[in-house]
Amino acid sequence: MKKSFKFVVAVAATSLVASVAVTPAAQGATKQKVCVALDTAGINDKSFNQSSYEGAKMALSRGFASSIKYAPAKSNADYAPNIAKFIAEKCTMIIGVGFLLGDAIAAAAKANPNVKFGFVDGWGLGNNVKAITYKTDENSFIVGYMAAAMSKTGKVGTYGGLPIPTVTIFMEGYANGVAHYNLIKNKNVQVLGWNTETKTGTFLGGFDDTTKALQTSISLEQQGADFIFPVAGGMQATTAANSQKTKKSSVIWVDAKVMNTGRQYANVTPVSVVKGLAEGVFATIKEAHDGKFSSKPYVGTMANKGVSIAITPAWNNKIPAKLKAEINQLSRDIAAGRILALDPIE
């Protein structure tokens, strides 16, 4: 039977503490001691933790925080103790960075209703918790289309840190973008590492296993993938270093611009999938400073520029003008809600 297609909305769905000197908050506004509980991989992970903490630094520099500090986690066992230490230190706002901190934040927020929490990649956990979320399937869709268009082998790959929603949303969007390219161009570019039907894929089991990240990158290349999208925080640097060595693949950077967090890999990274982590954290801190804090989630989208893509300057002249025009149109269409995912129907 011949297939017909329709487009539908498919928004898928660290204990050492460092502190920073204070800058007085604006007179008459809420003075805030902002404390950031990181996920594993460290403050300089060139990705999730680092970008989120930049938001606190921005708030400090603008006078929306009186002081800031962070606590890294060596493992999941550090989440609750780090937050408990912040409570004991009388932090007025605690930012939890990452989906995996959910249980620790839920318990602390319930027991401390006068403390405000921001939960990056989280969900609603009460009146004193603001979820900071992102529709990263939107910008991942665009780079999936771009990777498919630029692939010379007809195969592109991806892998994740853990099979959790805030990781798989990138992979799903990426694969949907490849599918969109295949439909429009009557091509058959394959995606390695994620299956949109079974919702299963390739994962490292964490966000700090460089050995497994390297093995996975090499395996994807051996299977023919010439574009790799690592959704595993700082492990993207391992993949990019391998790409520089083998010259067999290009890498799609995640969370931040490669020029900001890994410019040494720019020659193998044509584009970055940018997640406005700093902006979301900053907005949450400012909202509390202004006395307007609420539990209404912050949602970053293509429309409000909370998520975006950034073509690496060194690649600007390497990407065909026609493809750039198509990418720009896709960006407009997604922002307007006209194209969000591909749903094949018999």
C-alpha atoms as a PDB file:
ATOM      1  CA  MET A   1       0.000   0.000   0.000  1.00  0.00           C
ATOM      2  CA  LYS A   2       1.283   3.412  -0.872  1.00  0.00           C
ATOM      3  CA  LYS A   3       2.131   5.514   2.164  1.00  0.00           C
ATOM      4  CA  SER A   4       0.810   8.985   2.721  1.00  0.00           C
ATOM      5  CA  PHE A   5       2.368  11.346   5.238  1.00  0.00           C
ATOM      6  CA  LYS A   6       1.201  14.053   7.567  1.00  0.00           C
ATOM      7  CA  PHE A   7       3.031  16.443   9.819  1.00  0.00           C
ATOM      8  CA  VAL A   8       1.909  16.631  13.420  1.00  0.00           C
ATOM      9  CA  VAL A   9       3.087  18.320  16.555  1.00  0.00           C
ATOM     10  CA  ALA A  10       5.638  16.058  18.207  1.00  0.00           C
ATOM     11  CA  VAL A  11       7.199  18.053  20.977  1.00  0.00           C
ATOM     12  CA  ALA A  12       8.810  15.128  22.726  1.00  0.00           C
ATOM     13  CA  ALA A  13       7.386  15.290  25.176  1.00  0.00           C
ATOM     14  CA  THR A  14      28.335  17.756  41.643  1.00  0.00           C
ATOM     15  CA  SER A  15      31.146  17.466  47.369  1.00  0.00           C
ATOM     16  CA  LEU A  16      33.379  20.369  47.257  1.00  0.00           C
ATOM     17  CA  VAL A  17      31.786  23.815  47.107  1.00  0.00           C
ATOM     18  CA  ALA A  18      33.191  26.814  45.248  1.00  0.00           C
ATOM     19  CA  SER A  19      31.980  30.336  45.975  1.00  0.00           C
ATOM     20  CA  VAL A  20      32.192  33.707  44.282  1.00  0.00           C
ATOM     21  CA  ALA A  21      32.623  37.167  45.825  1.00  0.00           C
ATOM     22  CA  VAL A  22      29.415  39.089  46.295  1.00  0.00           C
ATOM     23  CA  THR A  23      27.953  42.017  44.442  1.00  0.00           C
ATOM     24  CA  PRO A  24      25.146  43.797  46.323  1.00  0.00           C
ATOM     25  CA  ALA A  25      21.696  43.269  44.919  1.00  0.00           C
ATOM     26  CA  ALA A  26      19.673  46.234  43.774  1.00  0.00           C
ATOM     27  CA  GLN A  27      18.345  48.360  46.619  1.00  0.00           C
ATOM     28  CA  GLY A  28      14.860  47.364  47.698  1.00  0.00           C
ATOM     29  CA  ALA A  29      14.919  44.062  45.798  1.00  0.00           C
ATOM     30  CA  THR A  30      15.232  40.542  47.171  1.00  0.00           C
ATOM     31  CA  LYS A  31      18.778  39.687  48.267  1.00  0.00           C
ATOM     32  CA  GLN A  32      19.593  36.214  47.088  1.00  0.00           C
ATOM     33  CA  LYS A  33      22.174  33.619  48.021  1.00  0.00           C
ATOM     34  CA  VAL A  34      22.094  31.420  44.945  1.00  0.00           C
ATOM     35  CA  CYS A  35      23.502  27.895  45.200  1.00  0.00           C
ATOM     36  CA  VAL A  36      23.833  25.570  42.229  1.00  0.00           C
ATOM     37  CA  ALA A  37      23.817  21.788  42.672  1.00  0.00           C
ATOM     38  CA  LEU A  38      25.551  20.286  39.654  1.00  0.00           C
ATOM     39  CA  ASP A  39      25.174  16.909  38.045  1.00  0.00           C
ATOM     40  CA  THR A  40      28.208  14.662  37.546  1.00  0.00           C
ATOM     41  CA  ALA A  41      30.966  15.557  35.036  1.00  0.00           C
ATOM     42  CA  GLY A  42      32.143  18.698  36.865  1.00  0.00           C
ATOM     43  CA  ILE A  43      31.879  22.441  36.456  1.00  0.00           C
ATOM     44  CA  ASN A  44      34.099  22.521  33.371  1.00  0.00           C
ATOM     45  CA  ASP A  45      32.243  19.888  31.387  1.00  0.00           C
ATOM     46  CA  LYS A  46      32.029  22.200  28.351  1.00  0.00           C
ATOM     47  CA  SER A  47      28.329  21.469  28.302  1.00  0.00           C
ATOM     48  CA  PHE A  48      25.419  21.152  30.707  1.00  0.00           C
ATOM     49  CA  ASN A  49      26.896  22.069  34.119  1.00  0.00           C
ATOM     50  CA  GLN A  50      29.139  24.804  32.790  1.00  0.00           C
ATOM     51  CA  SER A  51      26.424  26.447  30.724  1.00  0.00           C
ATOM     52  CA  SER A  52      23.895  26.348  33.572  1.00  0.00           C
ATOM     53  CA  TYR A  53      26.331  27.952  36.027  1.00  0.00           C
ATOM     54  CA  GLU A  54      26.974  30.719  33.533  1.00  0.00           C
ATOM     55  CA  GLY A  55      23.394  31.781  34.198  1.00  0.00           C
ATOM     56  CA  ALA A  56      24.168  32.251  37.903  1.00  0.00           C
ATOM     57  CA  LYS A  57      27.296  34.208  37.006  1.00  0.00           C
ATOM     58  CA  MET A  58      25.233  36.431  34.740  1.00  0.00           C
ATOM     59  CA  ALA A  59      22.765  37.043  37.564  1.00  0.00           C
ATOM     60  CA  LEU A  60      25.599  37.963  39.949  1.00  0.00           C
ATOM     61  CA  SER A  61      27.124  40.391  37.475  1.00  0.00           C
ATOM     62  CA  ARG A  62      23.748  42.092  36.972  1.00  0.00           C
ATOM     63  CA  GLY A  63      23.029  42.374  40.707  1.00  0.00           C
ATOM     64  CA  PHE A  64      20.206  39.845  40.752  1.00  0.00           C
ATOM     65  CA  ALA A  65      22.168  37.571  43.124  1.00  0.00           C
ATOM     66  CA  SER A  66      24.095  38.668  46.230  1.00  0.00           C
ATOM     67  CA  SER A  67      26.397  35.644  46.027  1.00  0.00           C
ATOM     68  CA  ILE A  68      26.665  32.412  44.091  1.00  0.00           C
ATOM     69  CA  LYS A  69      28.339  29.066  44.667  1.00  0.00           C
ATOM     70  CA  TYR A  70      28.208  25.576  43.236  1.00  0.00           C
ATOM     71  CA  ALA A  71      28.594  22.004  44.449  1.00  0.00           C
ATOM     72  CA  PRO A  72      29.801  19.324  42.031  1.00  0.00           C
ATOM     73  CA  ALA A  73      28.663  15.707  42.321  1.00  0.00           C
ATOM     74  CA  LYS A  74      30.947  12.733  41.885  1.00  0.00           C
ATOM     75  CA  SER A  75      27.963  10.388  41.743  1.00  0.00           C
ATOM     76  CA  ASN A  76      24.208  10.333  42.221  1.00  0.00           C
ATOM     77  CA  ALA A  77      24.796   9.783  45.942  1.00  0.00           C
ATOM     78  CA  ASP A  78      25.995  13.393  46.232  1.00  0.00           C
ATOM     79  CA  TYR A  79      22.790  15.057  45.059  1.00  0.00           C
ATOM     80  CA  ALA A  80      20.845  15.032  48.334  1.00  0.00           C
ATOM     81  CA  PRO A  81      23.845  15.845  50.603  1.00  0.00           C
ATOM     82  CA  ASN A  82      24.811  18.791  48.377  1.00  0.00           C
ATOM     83  CA  ILE A  83      21.305  20.233  48.559  1.00  0.00           C
ATOM     84  CA  ALA A  84      21.134  19.579  52.331  1.00  0.00           C
ATOM     85  CA  LYS A  85      24.378  21.518  52.757  1.00  0.00           C
ATOM     86  CA  PHE A  86      22.932  24.405  50.805  1.00  0.00           C
ATOM     87  CA  ILE A  87      19.849  24.393  53.037  1.00  0.00           C
ATOM     88  CA  ALA A  88      22.082  24.468  56.137  1.00  0.00           C
ATOM     89  CA  GLU A  89      24.010  27.391  54.640  1.00  0.00           C
ATOM     90  CA  LYS A  90      20.708  29.270  54.219  1.00  0.00           C
ATOM     91  CA  CYS A  91      20.784  29.537  50.444  1.00  0.00           C
ATOM     92  CA  THR A  92      17.653  31.390  49.377  1.00  0.00           C
ATOM     93  CA  MET A  93      17.551  29.900  45.893  1.00  0.00           C
ATOM     94  CA  ILE A  94      18.880  26.492  44.910  1.00  0.00           C
ATOM     95  CA  ILE A  95      19.298  25.565  41.261  1.00  0.00           C
ATOM     96  CA  GLY A  96      19.406  21.828  40.562  1.00  0.00           C
ATOM     97  CA  VAL A  97      21.078  21.008  37.273  1.00  0.00           C
ATOM     98  CA  GLY A  98      19.653  17.942  35.636  1.00  0.00           C
ATOM     99  CA  PHE A  99      16.776  15.513  35.480  1.00  0.00           C
ATOM    100  CA  LEU A 100      18.504  13.069  37.839  1.00  0.00           C
ATOM    101  CA  LEU A 101      18.331  15.520  40.772  1.00  0.00           C
ATOM    102  CA  GLY A 102      14.542  15.209  40.829  1.00  0.00           C
ATOM    103  CA  ASP A 103      14.181  13.038  43.944  1.00  0.00           C
ATOM    104  CA  ALA A 104      16.628  15.154  45.950  1.00  0.00           C
ATOM    105  CA  ILE A 105      14.910  18.395  44.934  1.00  0.00           C
ATOM    106  CA  ALA A 106      11.441  17.017  45.615  1.00  0.00           C
ATOM    107  CA  ALA A 107      12.345  16.015  49.177  1.00  0.00           C
ATOM    108  CA  ALA A 108      14.207  19.241  49.943  1.00  0.00           C
ATOM    109  CA  ALA A 109      11.508  21.479  48.462  1.00  0.00           C
ATOM    110  CA  LYS A 110       8.763  19.785  50.448  1.00  0.00           C
ATOM    111  CA  ALA A 111      10.714  20.056  53.706  1.00  0.00           C
ATOM    112  CA  ASN A 112      11.762  23.672  53.058  1.00  0.00           C
ATOM    113  CA  PRO A 113       8.801  25.561  51.571  1.00  0.00           C
ATOM    114  CA  ASN A 114      10.456  28.964  52.121  1.00  0.00           C
ATOM    115  CA  VAL A 115      13.419  28.097  49.882  1.00  0.00           C
ATOM    116  CA  LYS A 116      13.002  28.648  46.170  1.00  0.00           C
ATOM    117  CA  PHE A 117      14.242  26.030  43.703  1.00  0.00           C
ATOM    118  CA  GLY A 118      14.984  26.117  39.999  1.00  0.00           C
ATOM    119  CA  PHE A 119      15.075  22.678  38.388  1.00  0.00           C
ATOM    120  CA  VAL A 120      16.913  22.488  35.071  1.00  0.00           C
ATOM    121  CA  ASP A 121      15.394  19.812  32.846  1.00  0.00           C
ATOM    122  CA  GLY A 122      12.891  19.166  35.588  1.00  0.00           C
ATOM    123  CA  TRP A 123       9.188  19.159  36.208  1.00  0.00           C
ATOM    124  CA  GLY A 124       6.677  20.646  38.623  1.00  0.00           C
ATOM    125  CA  LEU A 125       7.391  19.679  42.234  1.00  0.00           C
ATOM    126  CA  GLY A 126       5.400  22.220  44.191  1.00  0.00           C
ATOM    127  CA  ASN A 127       4.806  25.942  44.576  1.00  0.00           C
ATOM    128  CA  ASN A 128       8.467  26.653  45.442  1.00  0.00           C
ATOM    129  CA  VAL A 129       9.942  24.845  42.424  1.00  0.00           C
ATOM    130  CA  LYS A 130      10.231  26.253  38.905  1.00  0.00           C
ATOM    131  CA  ALA A 131      11.006  23.763  36.165  1.00  0.00           C
ATOM    132  CA  ILE A 132      13.449  25.073  33.541  1.00  0.00           C
ATOM    133  CA  THR A 133      12.713  23.125  30.394  1.00  0.00           C
ATOM    134  CA  TYR A 134      13.570  23.112  26.698  1.00  0.00           C
ATOM    135  CA  LYS A 135      11.987  21.809  23.520  1.00  0.00           C
ATOM    136  CA  THR A 136      15.286  20.537  22.164  1.00  0.00           C
ATOM    137  CA  ASP A 137      13.577  18.266  19.676  1.00  0.00           C
ATOM    138  CA  GLU A 138      12.968  21.444  17.680  1.00  0.00           C
ATOM    139  CA  ASN A 139      16.582  22.480  17.020  1.00  0.00           C
ATOM    140  CA  SER A 140      17.698  18.828  16.903  1.00  0.00           C
ATOM    141  CA  PHE A 141      15.223  18.314  14.056  1.00  0.00           C
ATOM    142  CA  ILE A 142      16.968  21.013  12.056  1.00  0.00           C
ATOM    143  CA  VAL A 143      20.469  19.563  12.517  1.00  0.00           C
ATOM    144  CA  GLY A 144      19.144  16.104  11.662  1.00  0.00           C
ATOM    145  CA  TYR A 145      17.975  17.496   8.341  1.00  0.00           C
ATOM    146  CA  MET A 146      21.324  19.241   7.884  1.00  0.00           C
ATOM    147  CA  ALA A 147      23.365  16.110   8.704  1.00  0.00           C
ATOM    148  CA  ALA A 148      21.325  14.026   6.274  1.00  0.00           C
ATOM    149  CA  ALA A 149      21.830  16.602   3.548  1.00  0.00           C
ATOM    150  CA  MET A 150      25.609  16.778   4.109  1.00  0.00           C
ATOM    151  CA  SER A 151      26.246  13.070   4.624  1.00  0.00           C
ATOM    152  CA  LYS A 152      28.315  11.403   1.940  1.00  0.00           C
ATOM    153  CA  THR A 153      27.831   7.861   3.242  1.00  0.00           C
ATOM    154  CA  GLY A 154      24.076   7.973   3.649  1.00  0.00           C
ATOM    155  CA  LYS A 155      24.432   7.162   7.350  1.00  0.00           C
ATOM    156  CA  VAL A 156      24.409   9.479  10.361  1.00  0.00           C
ATOM    157  CA  GLY A 157      24.731   8.541  14.030  1.00  0.00           C
ATOM    158  CA  THR A 158      23.883   9.571  17.551  1.00  0.00           C
ATOM    159  CA  TYR A 159      24.362   8.311  21.106  1.00  0.00           C
ATOM    160  CA  GLY A 160      23.247   9.418  24.543  1.00  0.00           C
ATOM    161  CA  GLY A 161      24.537   9.444  28.086  1.00  0.00           C
ATOM    162  CA  LEU A 162      21.473   7.868  29.725  1.00  0.00           C
ATOM    163  CA  PRO A 163      18.043   6.881  28.349  1.00  0.00           C
ATOM    164  CA  ILE A 164      16.180   9.674  30.115  1.00  0.00           C
ATOM    165  CA  PRO A 165      13.663  12.060  28.521  1.00  0.00           C
ATOM    166  CA  THR A 166      15.991  15.059  28.522  1.00  0.00           C
ATOM    167  CA  VAL A 167      18.483  13.059  26.444  1.00  0.00           C
ATOM    168  CA  THR A 168      16.205  11.112  24.176  1.00  0.00           C
ATOM    169  CA  ILE A 169      14.295  14.257  23.158  1.00  0.00           C
ATOM    170  CA  PHE A 170      17.426  15.381  21.276  1.00  0.00           C
ATOM    171  CA  MET A 171      17.836  11.980  19.619  1.00  0.00           C
ATOM    172  CA  GLU A 172      14.189  11.764  18.613  1.00  0.00           C
ATOM    173  CA  GLY A 173      14.209  15.239  17.102  1.00  0.00           C
ATOM    174  CA  TYR A 174      17.447  14.490  15.244  1.00  0.00           C
ATOM    175  CA  ALA A 175      16.065  11.283  13.750  1.00  0.00           C
ATOM    176  CA  ASN A 176      12.821  13.020  12.807  1.00  0.00           C
ATOM    177  CA  GLY A 177      14.824  15.669  10.977  1.00  0.00           C
ATOM    178  CA  VAL A 178      16.572  12.956   8.966  1.00  0.00           C
ATOM    179  CA  ALA A 179      13.202  11.415   8.167  1.00  0.00           C
ATOM    180  CA  HIS A 180      11.913  14.799   7.008  1.00  0.00           C
ATOM    181  CA  TYR A 181      14.907  15.159   4.692  1.00  0.00           C
ATOM    182  CA  ASN A 182      14.309  11.676   3.303  1.00  0.00           C
ATOM    183  CA  LEU A 183      10.668  12.488   2.582  1.00  0.00           C
ATOM    184  CA  ILE A 184      11.282  15.845   0.947  1.00  0.00           C
ATOM    185  CA  LYS A 185      14.276  14.710  -1.093  1.00  0.00           C
ATOM    186  CA  ASN A 186      13.198  11.103  -1.741  1.00  0.00           C
ATOM    187  CA  LYS A 187      16.361   9.813  -0.052  1.00  0.00           C
ATOM    188  CA  ASN A 188      17.090   7.000   2.397  1.00  0.00           C
ATOM    189  CA  VAL A 189      19.671   8.336   4.854  1.00  0.00           C
ATOM    190  CA  GLN A 190      19.905   5.958   7.822  1.00  0.00           C
ATOM    191  CA  VAL A 191      20.131   6.911  11.499  1.00  0.00           C
ATOM    192  CA  LEU A 192      22.398   4.780  13.688  1.00  0.00           C
ATOM    193  CA  GLY A 193      21.989   4.913  17.465  1.00  0.00           C
ATOM    194  CA  TRP A 194      18.291   5.758  17.732  1.00  0.00           C
ATOM    195  CA  ASN A 195      15.113   4.052  16.586  1.00  0.00           C
ATOM    196  CA  THR A 196      12.057   6.309  16.437  1.00  0.00           C
ATOM    197  CA  GLU A 197       9.625   3.390  16.429  1.00  0.00           C
ATOM    198  CA  THR A 198      10.955   1.444  19.428  1.00  0.00           C
ATOM    199  CA  LYS A 199      12.363   4.532  21.185  1.00  0.00           C
ATOM    200  CA  THR A 200      15.594   2.651  21.877  1.00  0.00           C
ATOM    201  CA  GLY A 201      19.189   3.577  21.116  1.00  0.00           C
ATOM    202  CA  THR A 202      22.855   3.621  22.050  1.00  0.00           C
ATOM    203  CA  PHE A 203      23.798   4.920  25.517  1.00  0.00           C
ATOM    204  CA  LEU A 204      27.001   5.176  27.556  1.00  0.00           C
ATOM    205  CA  GLY A 205      25.402   4.551  30.935  1.00  0.00           C
ATOM    206  CA  GLY A 206      26.494   7.967  32.208  1.00  0.00           C
ATOM    207  CA  PHE A 207      28.020  11.296  31.248  1.00  0.00           C
ATOM    208  CA  ASP A 208      31.697  10.843  32.164  1.00  0.00           C
ATOM    209  CA  ASP A 209      32.874   7.566  30.616  1.00  0.00           C
ATOM    210  CA  THR A 210      35.435   8.710  28.075  1.00  0.00           C
ATOM    211  CA  THR A 211      36.485   5.140  27.265  1.00  0.00           C
ATOM    212  CA  LYS A 212      32.997   4.117  26.269  1.00  0.00           C
ATOM    213  CA  ALA A 213      32.427   7.400  24.447  1.00  0.00           C
ATOM    214  CA  LEU A 214      35.495   6.728  22.327  1.00  0.00           C
ATOM    215  CA  GLN A 215      34.470   3.139  21.668  1.00  0.00           C
ATOM    216  CA  THR A 216      31.003   4.249  20.641  1.00  0.00           C
ATOM    217  CA  SER A 217      32.344   6.955  18.342  1.00  0.00           C
ATOM    218  CA  ILE A 218      34.674   4.516  16.614  1.00  0.00           C
ATOM    219  CA  SER A 219      31.884   1.961  16.281  1.00  0.00           C
ATOM    220  CA  LEU A 220      29.564   4.475  14.637  1.00  0.00           C
ATOM    221  CA  GLU A 221      32.292   5.422  12.175  1.00  0.00           C
ATOM    222  CA  GLN A 222      32.955   1.763  11.415  1.00  0.00           C
ATOM    223  CA  GLN A 223      29.271   1.325  10.650  1.00  0.00           C
ATOM    224  CA  GLY A 224      29.493   4.160   8.157  1.00  0.00           C
ATOM    225  CA  ALA A 225      28.243   7.218  10.031  1.00  0.00           C
ATOM    226  CA  ASP A 226      29.978  10.371   8.848  1.00  0.00           C
ATOM    227  CA  PHE A 227      27.997  12.697  11.169  1.00  0.00           C
ATOM    228  CA  ILE A 228      27.733  11.957  14.913  1.00  0.00           C
ATOM    229  CA  PHE A 229      25.473  13.722  17.408  1.00  0.00           C
ATOM    230  CA  PRO A 230      26.659  12.912  20.990  1.00  0.00           C
ATOM    231  CA  VAL A 231      24.017  13.779  23.593  1.00  0.00           C
ATOM    232  CA  ALA A 232      26.219  13.035  26.601  1.00  0.00           C
ATOM    233  CA  GLY A 233      27.517  16.318  27.937  1.00  0.00           C
ATOM    234  CA  GLY A 234      31.289  16.644  27.851  1.00  0.00           C
ATOM    235  CA  MET A 235      31.699  13.317  26.082  1.00  0.00           C
ATOM    236  CA  GLN A 236      31.206  15.191  22.832  1.00  0.00           C
ATOM    237  CA  ALA A 237      34.831  16.353  23.193  1.00  0.00           C
ATOM    238  CA  THR A 238      35.952  12.707  23.092  1.00  0.00           C
ATOM    239  CA  THR A 239      33.965  12.149  19.922  1.00  0.00           C
ATOM    240  CA  ALA A 240      35.311  15.330  18.330  1.00  0.00           C
ATOM    241  CA  ALA A 241      38.925  14.435  19.195  1.00  0.00           C
ATOM    242  CA  ASN A 242      38.388  11.071  17.538  1.00  0.00           C
ATOM    243  CA  SER A 243      36.925  12.744  14.464  1.00  0.00           C
ATOM    244  CA  GLN A 244      39.998  14.969  14.217  1.00  0.00           C
ATOM    245  CA  LYS A 245      42.202  11.884  14.415  1.00  0.00           C
ATOM    246  CA  THR A 246      40.354   9.627  11.991  1.00  0.00           C
ATOM    247  CA  LYS A 247      38.994  12.304   9.635  1.00  0.00           C
ATOM    248  CA  LYS A 248      36.021   9.988   9.060  1.00  0.00           C
ATOM    249  CA  SER A 249      33.239  11.970  10.682  1.00  0.00           C
ATOM    250  CA  SER A 250      31.923  15.379  11.662  1.00  0.00           C
ATOM    251  CA  VAL A 251      30.358  16.174  15.033  1.00  0.00           C
ATOM    252  CA  ILE A 252      27.265  18.074  16.091  1.00  0.00           C
ATOM    253  CA  TRP A 253      27.945  19.963  19.355  1.00  0.00           C
ATOM    254  CA  VAL A 254      25.300  19.924  22.070  1.00  0.00           C
ATOM    255  CA  ASP A 255      23.993  22.373  24.712  1.00  0.00           C
ATOM    256  CA  ALA A 256      26.317  25.312  23.920  1.00  0.00           C
ATOM    257  CA  LYS A 257      28.151  26.776  20.943  1.00  0.00           C
ATOM    258  CA  VAL A 258      31.329  24.918  20.132  1.00  0.00           C
ATOM    259  CA  MET A 259      33.103  28.265  19.825  1.00  0.00           C
ATOM    260  CA  ASN A 260      32.307  28.953  23.481  1.00  0.00           C
ATOM    261  CA  THR A 261      33.033  25.565  25.034  1.00  0.00           C
ATOM    262  CA  GLY A 262      35.242  23.640  22.592  1.00  0.00           C
ATOM    263  CA  ARG A 263      36.637  25.864  19.887  1.00  0.00           C
ATOM    264  CA  GLN A 264      39.605  23.492  19.407  1.00  0.00           C
ATOM    265  CA  TYR A 265      37.101  21.154  17.763  1.00  0.00           C
ATOM    266  CA  ALA A 266      35.604  23.713  15.388  1.00  0.00           C
ATOM    267  CA  ASN A 267      37.227  22.146  12.328  1.00  0.00           C
ATOM    268  CA  VAL A 268      35.133  18.963  12.755  1.00  0.00           C
ATOM    269  CA  THR A 269      31.982  20.622  14.120  1.00  0.00           C
ATOM    270  CA  PRO A 270      29.818  22.326  11.506  1.00  0.00           C
ATOM    271  CA  VAL A 271      26.934  23.188  13.808  1.00  0.00           C
ATOM    272  CA  SER A 272      25.891  23.383  17.464  1.00  0.00           C
ATOM    273  CA  VAL A 273      22.526  22.548  18.996  1.00  0.00           C
ATOM    274  CA  VAL A 274      22.202  25.348  21.526  1.00  0.00           C
ATOM    275  CA  LYS A 275      20.137  24.973  24.665  1.00  0.00           C
ATOM    276  CA  GLY A 276      19.730  28.289  26.476  1.00  0.00           C
ATOM    277  CA  LEU A 277      20.742  26.909  29.865  1.00  0.00           C
ATOM    278  CA  ALA A 278      22.367  30.119  31.044  1.00  0.00           C
ATOM    279  CA  GLU A 279      19.380  32.145  29.904  1.00  0.00           C
ATOM    280  CA  GLY A 280      16.876  29.877  31.658  1.00  0.00           C
ATOM    281  CA  VAL A 281      18.797  29.895  34.944  1.00  0.00           C
ATOM    282  CA  PHE A 282      19.309  33.657  34.715  1.00  0.00           C
ATOM    283  CA  ALA A 283      15.611  34.272  34.062  1.00  0.00           C
ATOM    284  CA  THR A 284      14.633  32.161  37.067  1.00  0.00           C
ATOM    285  CA  ILE A 285      17.024  33.975  39.415  1.00  0.00           C
ATOM    286  CA  LYS A 286      15.911  37.377  38.133  1.00  0.00           C
ATOM    287  CA  GLU A 287      12.264  36.468  38.567  1.00  0.00           C
ATOM    288  CA  ALA A 288      12.872  35.655  42.237  1.00  0.00           C
ATOM    289  CA  HIS A 289      14.948  38.821  42.682  1.00  0.00           C
ATOM    290  CA  ASP A 290      12.088  40.881  41.297  1.00  0.00           C
ATOM    291  CA  GLY A 291       9.598  39.257  43.673  1.00  0.00           C
ATOM    292  CA  LYS A 292       7.771  37.524  40.833  1.00  0.00           C
ATOM    293  CA  PHE A 293       8.863  33.911  41.373  1.00  0.00           C
ATOM    294  CA  SER A 294       6.252  31.316  40.462  1.00  0.00           C
ATOM    295  CA  SER A 295       6.083  27.598  39.776  1.00  0.00           C
ATOM    296  CA  LYS A 296       5.087  28.240  36.161  1.00  0.00           C
ATOM    297  CA  PRO A 297       7.733  26.440  34.067  1.00  0.00           C
ATOM    298  CA  TYR A 298      10.263  28.257  31.918  1.00  0.00           C
ATOM    299  CA  VAL A 299      10.068  26.685  28.469  1.00  0.00           C
ATOM    300  CA  GLY A 300      12.780  27.396  25.900  1.00  0.00           C
ATOM    301  CA  THR A 301      11.647  27.065  22.280  1.00  0.00           C
ATOM    302  CA  MET A 302      12.705  28.071  18.795  1.00  0.00           C
ATOM    303  CA  ALA A 303      10.024  30.751  18.931  1.00  0.00           C
ATOM    304  CA  ASN A 304      11.395  32.473  22.066  1.00  0.00           C
ATOM    305  CA  LYS A 305      15.014  31.672  21.140  1.00  0.00           C
ATOM    306  CA  GLY A 306      15.386  29.433  24.182  1.00  0.00           C
ATOM    307  CA  VAL A 307      16.744  26.803  21.795  1.00  0.00           C
ATOM    308  CA  SER A 308      18.573  27.434  18.532  1.00  0.00           C
ATOM    309  CA  ILE A 309      21.278  26.232  16.193  1.00  0.00           C
ATOM    310  CA  ALA A 310      24.617  27.947  15.510  1.00  0.00           C
ATOM    311  CA  ILE A 311      26.635  27.268  12.389  1.00  0.00           C
ATOM    312  CA  THR A 312      30.367  27.286  13.158  1.00  0.00           C
ATOM    313  CA  PRO A 313      32.019  30.268  11.402  1.00  0.00           C
ATOM    314  CA  ALA A 314      34.740  28.115   9.818  1.00  0.00           C
ATOM    315  CA  TRP A 315      32.003  26.062   8.142  1.00  0.00           C
ATOM    316  CA  ASN A 316      29.897  28.901   6.839  1.00  0.00           C
ATOM    317  CA  ASN A 317      31.345  28.769   3.335  1.00  0.00           C
ATOM    318  CA  LYS A 318      31.404  24.954   3.294  1.00  0.00           C
ATOM    319  CA  ILE A 319      27.642  24.614   3.599  1.00  0.00           C
ATOM    320  CA  PRO A 320      25.830  25.108   0.279  1.00  0.00           C
ATOM    321  CA  ALA A 321      23.736  28.267   0.043  1.00  0.00           C
ATOM    322  CA  LYS A 322      20.688  26.222  -0.939  1.00  0.00           C
ATOM    323  CA  LEU A 323      20.977  24.068   2.181  1.00  0.00           C
ATOM    324  CA  LYS A 324      21.388  27.141   4.395  1.00  0.00           C
ATOM    325  CA  ALA A 325      18.228  28.582   2.877  1.00  0.00           C
ATOM    326  CA  GLU A 326      16.373  25.343   3.576  1.00  0.00           C
ATOM    327  CA  ILE A 327      17.647  25.341   7.173  1.00  0.00           C
ATOM    328  CA  ASN A 328      16.503  28.927   7.661  1.00  0.00           C
ATOM    329  CA  GLN A 329      13.063  28.078   6.318  1.00  0.00           C
ATOM    330  CA  LEU A 330      12.825  25.024   8.564  1.00  0.00           C
ATOM    331  CA  SER A 331      13.731  27.205  11.541  1.00  0.00           C
ATOM    332  CA  ARG A 332      10.939  29.623  10.680  1.00  0.00           C
ATOM    333  CA  ASP A 333       8.436  26.837  10.140  1.00  0.00           C
ATOM    334  CA  ILE A 334       9.250  25.147  13.439  1.00  0.00           C
ATOM    335  CA  ALA A 335       9.123  28.426  15.346  1.00  0.00           C
ATOM    336  CA  ALA A 336       5.690  29.058  13.834  1.00  0.00           C
ATOM    337  CA  GLY A 337       4.464  25.534  14.625  1.00  0.00           C
ATOM    338  CA  ARG A 338       4.020  24.521  10.997  1.00  0.00           C
ATOM    339  CA  ILE A 339       6.510  21.615  11.110  1.00  0.00           C
ATOM    340  CA  LEU A 340       7.447  19.798  14.304  1.00  0.00           C
ATOM    341  CA  ALA A 341       7.679  16.099  13.427  1.00  0.00           C
ATOM    342  CA  LEU A 342       6.989  13.477  10.835  1.00  0.00           C
ATOM    343  CA  ASP A 343       4.268  10.876  11.323  1.00  0.00           C
ATOM    344  CA  PRO A 344       3.974   8.257   8.561  1.00  0.00           C
ATOM    345  CA  ILE A 345       0.500   6.792   8.139  1.00  0.00           C
ATOM    346  CA  GLU A 346      -0.488   3.865   5.958  1.00  0.00           C
END
